[in-house]
C-alpha cells in the first residue's frame, strides 16, 4: 500500500461518488440479457473490491482509536455512523480482522 495525502483521498472519494451517481442514473434498458449479467458480475466485483479499503479503515480504527475518540465502542460507533445494526457492525469488524490487512 502506498502513502496518500488527505487531499488525494478526498479527491478519490469525490470522483467515486460522482461515478456512482452516474451509474445509478442509468436505465440499462438497451442492454441484452448477457450484457446485464456481465454488468451484474462487474458490480459484484466492484462491491468486493470496495471491502478492501473498508477493512483497512475498520482495522485502523480498531488499533488506533480510543473509545473516547469514538464516543463508545468501535461496534457502537460504526453502527451509529454507518446507520447499521450493532450486529452488522460486529460482523464487519470480525470480517475486517479476518480478511483485512491490519494497519500495524
PDB file of N, CA and C in Angstrom:
ATOM      1  N   UNK A   1       0.835  -1.166   0.000  1.00  0.00           N
ATOM      2  CA  UNK A   1       0.000   0.000   0.000  1.00  0.00           C
ATOM      3  C   UNK A   1       0.883   1.234   0.000  1.00  0.00           C
ATOM      4  N   UNK A   2       0.582   2.191  -0.857  1.00  0.00           N
ATOM      5  CA  UNK A   2       1.349   3.420  -0.916  1.00  0.00           C
ATOM      6  C   UNK A   2       0.798   4.452   0.044  1.00  0.00           C
ATOM      7  N   UNK A   3       1.602   5.481   0.256  1.00  0.00           N
ATOM      8  CA  UNK A   3       1.120   6.562   1.113  1.00  0.00           C
ATOM      9  C   UNK A   3       0.209   7.474   0.302  1.00  0.00           C
ATOM     10  N   UNK A   4      -0.663   8.158   0.996  1.00  0.00           N
ATOM     11  CA  UNK A   4      -1.637   9.024   0.334  1.00  0.00           C
ATOM     12  C   UNK A   4      -1.762  10.321   1.110  1.00  0.00           C
ATOM     13  N   UNK A   5      -2.069  11.385   0.393  1.00  0.00           N
ATOM     14  CA  UNK A   5      -2.339  12.658   1.059  1.00  0.00           C
ATOM     15  C   UNK A   5      -3.830  12.738   1.384  1.00  0.00           C
ATOM     16  N   UNK A   6      -4.170  13.556   2.355  1.00  0.00           N
ATOM     17  CA  UNK A   6      -5.584  13.760   2.685  1.00  0.00           C
ATOM     18  C   UNK A   6      -6.347  14.256   1.465  1.00  0.00           C
ATOM     19  N   UNK A   7      -5.737  15.206   0.752  1.00  0.00           N
ATOM     20  CA  UNK A   7      -6.386  15.770  -0.437  1.00  0.00           C
ATOM     21  C   UNK A   7      -6.608  14.699  -1.498  1.00  0.00           C
ATOM     22  N   UNK A   8      -5.627  13.822  -1.680  1.00  0.00           N
ATOM     23  CA  UNK A   8      -5.758  12.747  -2.659  1.00  0.00           C
ATOM     24  C   UNK A   8      -6.871  11.783  -2.305  1.00  0.00           C
ATOM     25  N   UNK A   9      -6.989  11.480  -1.023  1.00  0.00           N
ATOM     26  CA  UNK A   9      -8.044  10.576  -0.564  1.00  0.00           C
ATOM     27  C   UNK A   9      -9.416  11.198  -0.806  1.00  0.00           C
ATOM     28  N   UNK A  10      -9.574  12.460  -0.432  1.00  0.00           N
ATOM     29  CA  UNK A  10     -10.849  13.159  -0.642  1.00  0.00           C
ATOM     30  C   UNK A  10     -11.180  13.218  -2.128  1.00  0.00           C
ATOM     31  N   UNK A  11     -10.182  13.477  -2.952  1.00  0.00           N
ATOM     32  CA  UNK A  11     -10.386  13.552  -4.403  1.00  0.00           C
ATOM     33  C   UNK A  11     -10.892  12.225  -4.956  1.00  0.00           C
ATOM     34  N   UNK A  12     -10.317  11.121  -4.508  1.00  0.00           N
ATOM     35  CA  UNK A  12     -10.747   9.800  -4.982  1.00  0.00           C
ATOM     36  C   UNK A  12     -12.179   9.510  -4.533  1.00  0.00           C
ATOM     37  N   UNK A  13     -12.506   9.809  -3.273  1.00  0.00           N
ATOM     38  CA  UNK A  13     -13.876   9.594  -2.798  1.00  0.00           C
ATOM     39  C   UNK A  13     -14.873  10.463  -3.556  1.00  0.00           C
ATOM     40  N   UNK A  14     -14.511  11.716  -3.837  1.00  0.00           N
ATOM     41  CA  UNK A  14     -15.401  12.599  -4.601  1.00  0.00           C
ATOM     42  C   UNK A  14     -15.646  12.056  -6.004  1.00  0.00           C
ATOM     43  N   UNK A  15     -14.590  11.570  -6.660  1.00  0.00           N
ATOM     44  CA  UNK A  15     -14.724  11.006  -8.005  1.00  0.00           C
ATOM     45  C   UNK A  15     -15.575   9.733  -7.968  1.00  0.00           C
ATOM     46  N   UNK A  16     -15.352   8.898  -6.959  1.00  0.00           N
ATOM     47  CA  UNK A  16     -16.131   7.671  -6.817  1.00  0.00           C
ATOM     48  C   UNK A  16     -17.609   7.994  -6.601  1.00  0.00           C
ATOM     49  N   UNK A  17     -17.898   8.958  -5.727  1.00  0.00           N
ATOM     50  CA  UNK A  17     -19.289   9.383  -5.510  1.00  0.00           C
ATOM     51  C   UNK A  17     -19.939   9.846  -6.812  1.00  0.00           C
ATOM     52  N   UNK A  18     -19.216  10.653  -7.577  1.00  0.00           N
ATOM     53  CA  UNK A  18     -19.753  11.176  -8.839  1.00  0.00           C
ATOM     54  C   UNK A  18     -20.010  10.048  -9.832  1.00  0.00           C
ATOM     55  N   UNK A  19     -19.083   9.103  -9.918  1.00  0.00           N
ATOM     56  CA  UNK A  19     -19.259   7.989 -10.852  1.00  0.00           C
ATOM     57  C   UNK A  19     -20.406   7.073 -10.432  1.00  0.00           C
ATOM     58  N   UNK A  20     -20.560   6.847  -9.139  1.00  0.00           N
ATOM     59  CA  UNK A  20     -21.677   6.024  -8.664  1.00  0.00           C
ATOM     60  C   UNK A  20     -23.002   6.734  -8.936  1.00  0.00           C
ATOM     61  N   UNK A  21     -23.035   8.051  -8.760  1.00  0.00           N
ATOM     62  CA  UNK A  21     -24.243   8.811  -9.102  1.00  0.00           C
ATOM     63  C   UNK A  21     -24.598   8.626 -10.573  1.00  0.00           C
ATOM     64  N   UNK A  22     -23.601   8.694 -11.439  1.00  0.00           N
ATOM     65  CA  UNK A  22     -23.842   8.496 -12.877  1.00  0.00           C
ATOM     66  C   UNK A  22     -24.365   7.088 -13.139  1.00  0.00           C
ATOM     67  N   UNK A  23     -23.764   6.088 -12.510  1.00  0.00           N
ATOM     68  CA  UNK A  23     -24.184   4.701 -12.689  1.00  0.00           C
ATOM     69  C   UNK A  23     -25.630   4.512 -12.232  1.00  0.00           C
ATOM     70  N   UNK A  24     -25.973   5.088 -11.100  1.00  0.00           N
ATOM     71  CA  UNK A  24     -27.334   4.949 -10.569  1.00  0.00           C
ATOM     72  C   UNK A  24     -28.374   5.642 -11.446  1.00  0.00           C
ATOM     73  N   UNK A  25     -27.950   6.580 -12.255  1.00  0.00           N
ATOM     74  CA  UNK A  25     -28.859   7.283 -13.148  1.00  0.00           C
ATOM     75  C   UNK A  25     -29.119   6.567 -14.465  1.00  0.00           C
ATOM     76  N   UNK A  26     -28.445   5.458 -14.702  1.00  0.00           N
ATOM     77  CA  UNK A  26     -28.621   4.708 -15.951  1.00  0.00           C
ATOM     78  C   UNK A  26     -29.854   3.816 -15.876  1.00  0.00           C
ATOM     79  N   UNK A  27     -30.468   3.534 -17.046  1.00  0.00           N
ATOM     80  CA  UNK A  27     -31.661   2.684 -17.062  1.00  0.00           C
ATOM     81  C   UNK A  27     -31.346   1.233 -17.425  1.00  0.00           C
ATOM     82  N   UNK A  28     -30.299   0.977 -18.177  1.00  0.00           N
ATOM     83  CA  UNK A  28     -29.869  -0.360 -18.602  1.00  0.00           C
ATOM     84  C   UNK A  28     -30.834  -1.019 -19.584  1.00  0.00           C
ATOM     85  N   UNK A  29     -31.844  -0.289 -20.051  1.00  0.00           N
ATOM     86  CA  UNK A  29     -32.834  -0.847 -20.971  1.00  0.00           C
ATOM     87  C   UNK A  29     -32.228  -1.330 -22.282  1.00  0.00           C
ATOM     88  N   UNK A  30     -31.155  -0.720 -22.715  1.00  0.00           N
ATOM     89  CA  UNK A  30     -30.571  -1.065 -24.016  1.00  0.00           C
ATOM     90  C   UNK A  30     -29.714  -2.325 -23.961  1.00  0.00           C
ATOM     91  N   UNK A  31     -29.435  -2.836 -22.773  1.00  0.00           N
ATOM     92  CA  UNK A  31     -28.560  -3.997 -22.649  1.00  0.00           C
ATOM     93  C   UNK A  31     -29.303  -5.293 -22.951  1.00  0.00           C
ATOM     94  N   UNK A  32     -28.581  -6.226 -23.530  1.00  0.00           N
ATOM     95  CA  UNK A  32     -29.111  -7.572 -23.750  1.00  0.00           C
ATOM     96  C   UNK A  32     -29.027  -8.344 -22.429  1.00  0.00           C
ATOM     97  N   UNK A  33     -29.625  -9.518 -22.400  1.00  0.00           N
ATOM     98  CA  UNK A  33     -29.569 -10.354 -21.194  1.00  0.00           C
ATOM     99  C   UNK A  33     -28.119 -10.688 -20.834  1.00  0.00           C
ATOM    100  N   UNK A  34     -27.294 -11.165 -21.789  1.00  0.00           N
ATOM    101  CA  UNK A  34     -25.895 -11.438 -21.436  1.00  0.00           C
ATOM    102  C   UNK A  34     -25.152 -10.184 -20.944  1.00  0.00           C
ATOM    103  N   UNK A  35     -25.459  -9.035 -21.531  1.00  0.00           N
ATOM    104  CA  UNK A  35     -24.816  -7.792 -21.094  1.00  0.00           C
ATOM    105  C   UNK A  35     -25.248  -7.415 -19.679  1.00  0.00           C
ATOM    106  N   UNK A  36     -26.507  -7.663 -19.354  1.00  0.00           N
ATOM    107  CA  UNK A  36     -26.986  -7.390 -17.993  1.00  0.00           C
ATOM    108  C   UNK A  36     -26.297  -8.310 -16.985  1.00  0.00           C
ATOM    109  N   UNK A  37     -26.135  -9.570 -17.372  1.00  0.00           N
ATOM    110  CA  UNK A  37     -25.429 -10.500 -16.488  1.00  0.00           C
ATOM    111  C   UNK A  37     -23.977 -10.059 -16.284  1.00  0.00           C
ATOM    112  N   UNK A  38     -23.318  -9.611 -17.356  1.00  0.00           N
ATOM    113  CA  UNK A  38     -21.939  -9.108 -17.232  1.00  0.00           C
ATOM    114  C   UNK A  38     -21.895  -7.859 -16.363  1.00  0.00           C
ATOM    115  N   UNK A  39     -22.891  -7.000 -16.501  1.00  0.00           N
ATOM    116  CA  UNK A  39     -22.949  -5.791 -15.674  1.00  0.00           C
ATOM    117  C   UNK A  39     -23.098  -6.168 -14.196  1.00  0.00           C
ATOM    118  N   UNK A  40     -23.947  -7.142 -13.908  1.00  0.00           N
ATOM    119  CA  UNK A  40     -24.101  -7.604 -12.528  1.00  0.00           C
ATOM    120  C   UNK A  40     -22.804  -8.202 -11.993  1.00  0.00           C
ATOM    121  N   UNK A  41     -22.120  -8.943 -12.853  1.00  0.00           N
ATOM    122  CA  UNK A  41     -20.832  -9.524 -12.461  1.00  0.00           C
ATOM    123  C   UNK A  41     -19.830  -8.421 -12.118  1.00  0.00           C
ATOM    124  N   UNK A  42     -19.802  -7.389 -12.930  1.00  0.00           N
ATOM    125  CA  UNK A  42     -18.885  -6.268 -12.677  1.00  0.00           C
ATOM    126  C   UNK A  42     -19.247  -5.544 -11.385  1.00  0.00           C
ATOM    127  N   UNK A  43     -20.544  -5.347 -11.145  1.00  0.00           N
ATOM    128  CA  UNK A  43     -20.971  -4.713  -9.897  1.00  0.00           C
ATOM    129  C   UNK A  43     -20.554  -5.542  -8.683  1.00  0.00           C
ATOM    130  N   UNK A  44     -20.685  -6.849  -8.790  1.00  0.00           N
ATOM    131  CA  UNK A  44     -20.272  -7.723  -7.689  1.00  0.00           C
ATOM    132  C   UNK A  44     -18.772  -7.613  -7.438  1.00  0.00           C
ATOM    133  N   UNK A  45     -17.987  -7.602  -8.500  1.00  0.00           N
ATOM    134  CA  UNK A  45     -16.525  -7.448  -8.362  1.00  0.00           C
ATOM    135  C   UNK A  45     -16.184  -6.124  -7.696  1.00  0.00           C
ATOM    136  N   UNK A  46     -16.854  -5.064  -8.130  1.00  0.00           N
ATOM    137  CA  UNK A  46     -16.612  -3.747  -7.532  1.00  0.00           C
ATOM    138  C   UNK A  46     -16.977  -3.736  -6.048  1.00  0.00           C
ATOM    139  N   UNK A  47     -18.122  -4.312  -5.710  1.00  0.00           N
ATOM    140  CA  UNK A  47     -18.551  -4.348  -4.307  1.00  0.00           C
ATOM    141  C   UNK A  47     -17.530  -5.095  -3.453  1.00  0.00           C
ATOM    142  N   UNK A  48     -17.007  -6.190  -3.970  1.00  0.00           N
ATOM    143  CA  UNK A  48     -15.995  -6.951  -3.231  1.00  0.00           C
ATOM    144  C   UNK A  48     -14.705  -6.161  -3.091  1.00  0.00           C
ATOM    145  N   UNK A  49     -14.307  -5.466  -4.145  1.00  0.00           N
ATOM    146  CA  UNK A  49     -13.074  -4.668  -4.088  1.00  0.00           C
ATOM    147  C   UNK A  49     -13.203  -3.519  -3.101  1.00  0.00           C
ATOM    148  N   UNK A  50     -14.394  -2.940  -2.987  1.00  0.00           N
ATOM    149  CA  UNK A  50     -14.598  -1.828  -2.063  1.00  0.00           C
ATOM    150  C   UNK A  50     -14.492  -2.262  -0.601  1.00  0.00           C
ATOM    151  N   UNK A  51     -14.600  -3.563  -0.355  1.00  0.00           N
ATOM    152  CA  UNK A  51     -14.432  -4.048   1.013  1.00  0.00           C
ATOM    153  C   UNK A  51     -12.988  -3.890   1.490  1.00  0.00           C
ATOM    154  N   UNK A  52     -12.030  -3.868   0.571  1.00  0.00           N
ATOM    155  CA  UNK A  52     -10.624  -3.744   0.960  1.00  0.00           C
ATOM    156  C   UNK A  52     -10.348  -2.445   1.707  1.00  0.00           C
ATOM    157  N   UNK A  53     -10.699  -1.267   1.158  1.00  0.00           N
ATOM    158  CA  UNK A  53     -10.464  -0.061   1.948  1.00  0.00           C
ATOM    159  C   UNK A  53     -11.332  -0.009   3.208  1.00  0.00           C
ATOM    160  N   UNK A  54     -12.518  -0.610   3.152  1.00  0.00           N
ATOM    161  CA  UNK A  54     -13.362  -0.657   4.346  1.00  0.00           C
ATOM    162  C   UNK A  54     -12.664  -1.447   5.451  1.00  0.00           C
ATOM    163  N   UNK A  55     -12.098  -2.597   5.099  1.00  0.00           N
ATOM    164  CA  UNK A  55     -11.373  -3.399   6.087  1.00  0.00           C
ATOM    165  C   UNK A  55     -10.199  -2.617   6.667  1.00  0.00           C
ATOM    166  N   UNK A  56      -9.468  -1.940   5.796  1.00  0.00           N
ATOM    167  CA  UNK A  56      -8.314  -1.164   6.250  1.00  0.00           C
ATOM    168  C   UNK A  56      -8.736  -0.092   7.240  1.00  0.00           C
ATOM    169  N   UNK A  57      -9.785   0.655   6.905  1.00  0.00           N
ATOM    170  CA  UNK A  57     -10.252   1.725   7.790  1.00  0.00           C
ATOM    171  C   UNK A  57     -10.757   1.176   9.123  1.00  0.00           C
ATOM    172  N   UNK A  58     -11.506   0.095   9.082  1.00  0.00           N
ATOM    173  CA  UNK A  58     -12.012  -0.503  10.325  1.00  0.00           C
ATOM    174  C   UNK A  58     -10.854  -0.986  11.186  1.00  0.00           C
ATOM    175  N   UNK A  59      -9.892  -1.673  10.576  1.00  0.00           N
ATOM    176  CA  UNK A  59      -8.746  -2.168  11.342  1.00  0.00           C
ATOM    177  C   UNK A  59      -7.919  -1.027  11.917  1.00  0.00           C
ATOM    178  N   UNK A  60      -7.764   0.051  11.168  1.00  0.00           N
ATOM    179  CA  UNK A  60      -7.033   1.210  11.688  1.00  0.00           C
ATOM    180  C   UNK A  60      -7.761   1.808  12.887  1.00  0.00           C
ATOM    181  N   UNK A  61      -9.074   1.951  12.783  1.00  0.00           N
ATOM    182  CA  UNK A  61      -9.849   2.459  13.919  1.00  0.00           C
ATOM    183  C   UNK A  61      -9.725   1.530  15.122  1.00  0.00           C
ATOM    184  N   UNK A  62      -9.790   0.237  14.876  1.00  0.00           N
ATOM    185  CA  UNK A  62      -9.699  -0.745  15.952  1.00  0.00           C
ATOM    186  C   UNK A  62      -8.359  -0.637  16.682  1.00  0.00           C
ATOM    187  N   UNK A  63      -7.297  -0.417  15.924  1.00  0.00           N
ATOM    188  CA  UNK A  63      -5.957  -0.354  16.511  1.00  0.00           C
ATOM    189  C   UNK A  63      -5.598   1.010  17.087  1.00  0.00           C
ATOM    190  N   UNK A  64      -6.139   2.070  16.522  1.00  0.00           N
ATOM    191  CA  UNK A  64      -5.638   3.398  16.852  1.00  0.00           C
ATOM    192  C   UNK A  64      -6.608   4.294  17.614  1.00  0.00           C
ATOM    193  N   UNK A  65      -7.897   4.050  17.520  1.00  0.00           N
ATOM    194  CA  UNK A  65      -8.875   4.963  18.128  1.00  0.00           C
ATOM    195  C   UNK A  65      -9.271   4.483  19.521  1.00  0.00           C
ATOM    196  N   UNK A  66      -9.380   5.422  20.436  1.00  0.00           N
ATOM    197  CA  UNK A  66      -9.853   5.098  21.781  1.00  0.00           C
ATOM    198  C   UNK A  66     -11.381   5.181  21.806  1.00  0.00           C
ATOM    199  N   UNK A  67     -11.963   4.554  22.826  1.00  0.00           N
ATOM    200  CA  UNK A  67     -13.419   4.648  22.974  1.00  0.00           C
ATOM    201  C   UNK A  67     -13.843   6.097  23.172  1.00  0.00           C
ATOM    202  N   UNK A  68     -12.988   6.878  23.803  1.00  0.00           N
ATOM    203  CA  UNK A  68     -13.291   8.300  23.995  1.00  0.00           C
ATOM    204  C   UNK A  68     -13.385   9.011  22.645  1.00  0.00           C
ATOM    205  N   UNK A  69     -12.434   8.726  21.752  1.00  0.00           N
ATOM    206  CA  UNK A  69     -12.455   9.346  20.418  1.00  0.00           C
ATOM    207  C   UNK A  69     -13.663   8.890  19.613  1.00  0.00           C
ATOM    208  N   UNK A  70     -14.035   7.625  19.785  1.00  0.00           N
ATOM    209  CA  UNK A  70     -15.148   7.052  19.029  1.00  0.00           C
ATOM    210  C   UNK A  70     -16.503   7.377  19.646  1.00  0.00           C
ATOM    211  N   UNK A  71     -16.513   7.787  20.893  1.00  0.00           N
ATOM    212  CA  UNK A  71     -17.772   8.019  21.588  1.00  0.00           C
ATOM    213  C   UNK A  71     -18.411   6.731  22.058  1.00  0.00           C
ATOM    214  N   UNK A  72     -17.618   5.709  22.237  1.00  0.00           N
ATOM    215  CA  UNK A  72     -18.092   4.394  22.672  1.00  0.00           C
ATOM    216  C   UNK A  72     -17.222   3.321  22.052  1.00  0.00           C
ATOM    217  N   UNK A  73     -17.762   2.124  21.999  1.00  0.00           N
ATOM    218  CA  UNK A  73     -17.019   1.024  21.388  1.00  0.00           C
ATOM    219  C   UNK A  73     -16.971   1.207  19.874  1.00  0.00           C
ATOM    220  N   UNK A  74     -16.050   0.521  19.250  1.00  0.00           N
ATOM    221  CA  UNK A  74     -15.973   0.565  17.787  1.00  0.00           C
ATOM    222  C   UNK A  74     -17.281   0.064  17.187  1.00  0.00           C
ATOM    223  N   UNK A  75     -17.812  -0.987  17.752  1.00  0.00           N
ATOM    224  CA  UNK A  75     -19.078  -1.556  17.253  1.00  0.00           C
ATOM    225  C   UNK A  75     -20.197  -0.514  17.290  1.00  0.00           C
ATOM    226  N   UNK A  76     -20.344   0.167  18.409  1.00  0.00           N
ATOM    227  CA  UNK A  76     -21.422   1.160  18.504  1.00  0.00           C
ATOM    228  C   UNK A  76     -21.134   2.382  17.641  1.00  0.00           C
ATOM    229  N   UNK A  77     -19.866   2.762  17.533  1.00  0.00           N
ATOM    230  CA  UNK A  77     -19.507   3.909  16.685  1.00  0.00           C
ATOM    231  C   UNK A  77     -19.822   3.624  15.219  1.00  0.00           C
ATOM    232  N   UNK A  78     -19.468   2.421  14.752  1.00  0.00           N
ATOM    233  CA  UNK A  78     -19.773   2.064  13.362  1.00  0.00           C
ATOM    234  C   UNK A  78     -21.283   1.990  13.142  1.00  0.00           C
ATOM    235  N   UNK A  79     -21.990   1.383  14.084  1.00  0.00           N
ATOM    236  CA  UNK A  79     -23.447   1.269  13.946  1.00  0.00           C
ATOM    237  C   UNK A  79     -24.083   2.651  13.833  1.00  0.00           C
ATOM    238  N   UNK A  80     -23.667   3.564  14.692  1.00  0.00           N
ATOM    239  CA  UNK A  80     -24.233   4.918  14.661  1.00  0.00           C
ATOM    240  C   UNK A  80     -23.849   5.656  13.388  1.00  0.00           C
ATOM    241  N   UNK A  81     -22.576   5.648  13.055  1.00  0.00           N
ATOM    242  CA  UNK A  81     -22.082   6.445  11.922  1.00  0.00           C
ATOM    243  C   UNK A  81     -22.564   5.902  10.579  1.00  0.00           C
ATOM    244  N   UNK A  82     -22.612   4.581  10.450  1.00  0.00           N
ATOM    245  CA  UNK A  82     -22.997   3.959   9.176  1.00  0.00           C
ATOM    246  C   UNK A  82     -24.491   3.643   9.106  1.00  0.00           C
ATOM    247  N   UNK A  83     -25.192   3.902  10.198  1.00  0.00           N
ATOM    248  CA  UNK A  83     -26.637   3.628  10.275  1.00  0.00           C
ATOM    249  C   UNK A  83     -26.943   2.155   9.983  1.00  0.00           C
ATOM    250  N   UNK A  84     -26.215   1.301  10.699  1.00  0.00           N
ATOM    251  CA  UNK A  84     -26.409  -0.143  10.599  1.00  0.00           C
ATOM    252  C   UNK A  84     -26.640  -0.672  12.011  1.00  0.00           C
ATOM    253  N   UNK A  85     -27.065  -1.918  12.116  1.00  0.00           N
ATOM    254  CA  UNK A  85     -27.267  -2.507  13.436  1.00  0.00           C
ATOM    255  C   UNK A  85     -25.922  -2.795  14.090  1.00  0.00           C
ATOM    256  N   UNK A  86     -25.937  -2.942  15.407  1.00  0.00           N
ATOM    257  CA  UNK A  86     -24.695  -3.301  16.092  1.00  0.00           C
ATOM    258  C   UNK A  86     -24.247  -4.704  15.691  1.00  0.00           C
ATOM    259  N   UNK A  87     -25.195  -5.584  15.377  1.00  0.00           N
ATOM    260  CA  UNK A  87     -24.827  -6.925  14.912  1.00  0.00           C
ATOM    261  C   UNK A  87     -24.077  -6.840  13.582  1.00  0.00           C
ATOM    262  N   UNK A  88     -24.567  -6.013  12.664  1.00  0.00           N
ATOM    263  CA  UNK A  88     -23.890  -5.835  11.376  1.00  0.00           C
ATOM    264  C   UNK A  88     -22.529  -5.182  11.579  1.00  0.00           C
ATOM    265  N   UNK A  89     -22.458  -4.224  12.482  1.00  0.00           N
ATOM    266  CA  UNK A  89     -21.169  -3.581  12.770  1.00  0.00           C
ATOM    267  C   UNK A  89     -20.177  -4.608  13.305  1.00  0.00           C
ATOM    268  N   UNK A  90     -20.629  -5.467  14.192  1.00  0.00           N
ATOM    269  CA  UNK A  90     -19.764  -6.523  14.717  1.00  0.00           C
ATOM    270  C   UNK A  90     -19.306  -7.475  13.634  1.00  0.00           C
ATOM    271  N   UNK A  91     -20.218  -7.812  12.724  1.00  0.00           N
ATOM    272  CA  UNK A  91     -19.857  -8.696  11.614  1.00  0.00           C
ATOM    273  C   UNK A  91     -18.771  -8.061  10.766  1.00  0.00           C
ATOM    274  N   UNK A  92     -18.905  -6.767  10.491  1.00  0.00           N
ATOM    275  CA  UNK A  92     -17.914  -6.070   9.672  1.00  0.00           C
ATOM    276  C   UNK A  92     -16.564  -5.977  10.379  1.00  0.00           C
ATOM    277  N   UNK A  93     -16.584  -5.765  11.675  1.00  0.00           N
ATOM    278  CA  UNK A  93     -15.336  -5.722  12.443  1.00  0.00           C
ATOM    279  C   UNK A  93     -14.651  -7.081  12.387  1.00  0.00           C
ATOM    280  N   UNK A  94     -15.423  -8.149  12.584  1.00  0.00           N
ATOM    281  CA  UNK A  94     -14.865  -9.503  12.516  1.00  0.00           C
ATOM    282  C   UNK A  94     -14.320  -9.813  11.125  1.00  0.00           C
ATOM    283  N   UNK A  95     -15.071  -9.429  10.098  1.00  0.00           N
ATOM    284  CA  UNK A  95     -14.632  -9.658   8.720  1.00  0.00           C
ATOM    285  C   UNK A  95     -13.348  -8.894   8.427  1.00  0.00           C
ATOM    286  N   UNK A  96     -13.277  -7.660   8.885  1.00  0.00           N
ATOM    287  CA  UNK A  96     -12.072  -6.855   8.667  1.00  0.00           C
ATOM    288  C   UNK A  96     -10.874  -7.486   9.356  1.00  0.00           C
ATOM    289  N   UNK A  97     -11.081  -8.000  10.566  1.00  0.00           N
ATOM    290  CA  UNK A  97      -9.987  -8.643  11.296  1.00  0.00           C
ATOM    291  C   UNK A  97      -9.532  -9.911  10.582  1.00  0.00           C
ATOM    292  N   UNK A  98     -10.487 -10.661  10.025  1.00  0.00           N
ATOM    293  CA  UNK A  98     -10.154 -11.911   9.339  1.00  0.00           C
ATOM    294  C   UNK A  98      -9.541 -11.697   7.963  1.00  0.00           C
ATOM    295  N   UNK A  99     -10.086 -10.749   7.205  1.00  0.00           N
ATOM    296  CA  UNK A  99      -9.709 -10.614   5.799  1.00  0.00           C
ATOM    297  C   UNK A  99      -8.855  -9.404   5.483  1.00  0.00           C
ATOM    298  N   UNK A 100      -8.945  -8.385   6.301  1.00  0.00           N
ATOM    299  CA  UNK A 100      -8.241  -7.145   6.004  1.00  0.00           C
ATOM    300  C   UNK A 100      -6.804  -7.172   6.459  1.00  0.00           C
ATOM    301  N   UNK A 101      -6.039  -6.264   5.887  1.00  0.00           N
ATOM    302  CA  UNK A 101      -4.660  -6.089   6.316  1.00  0.00           C
ATOM    303  C   UNK A 101      -4.663  -5.130   7.485  1.00  0.00           C
ATOM    304  N   UNK A 102      -4.365  -5.642   8.655  1.00  0.00           N
ATOM    305  CA  UNK A 102      -4.339  -4.784   9.835  1.00  0.00           C
ATOM    306  C   UNK A 102      -3.265  -3.721   9.668  1.00  0.00           C
ATOM    307  N   UNK A 103      -3.610  -2.498   9.986  1.00  0.00           N
ATOM    308  CA  UNK A 103      -2.681  -1.369   9.852  1.00  0.00           C
ATOM    309  C   UNK A 103      -1.830  -1.281  11.110  1.00  0.00           C
ATOM    310  N   UNK A 104      -0.793  -2.036  11.136  1.00  0.00           N
ATOM    311  CA  UNK A 104       0.088  -2.072  12.315  1.00  0.00           C
ATOM    312  C   UNK A 104       1.340  -1.297  12.067  1.00  0.00           C
TER     313      UNK A 104
END
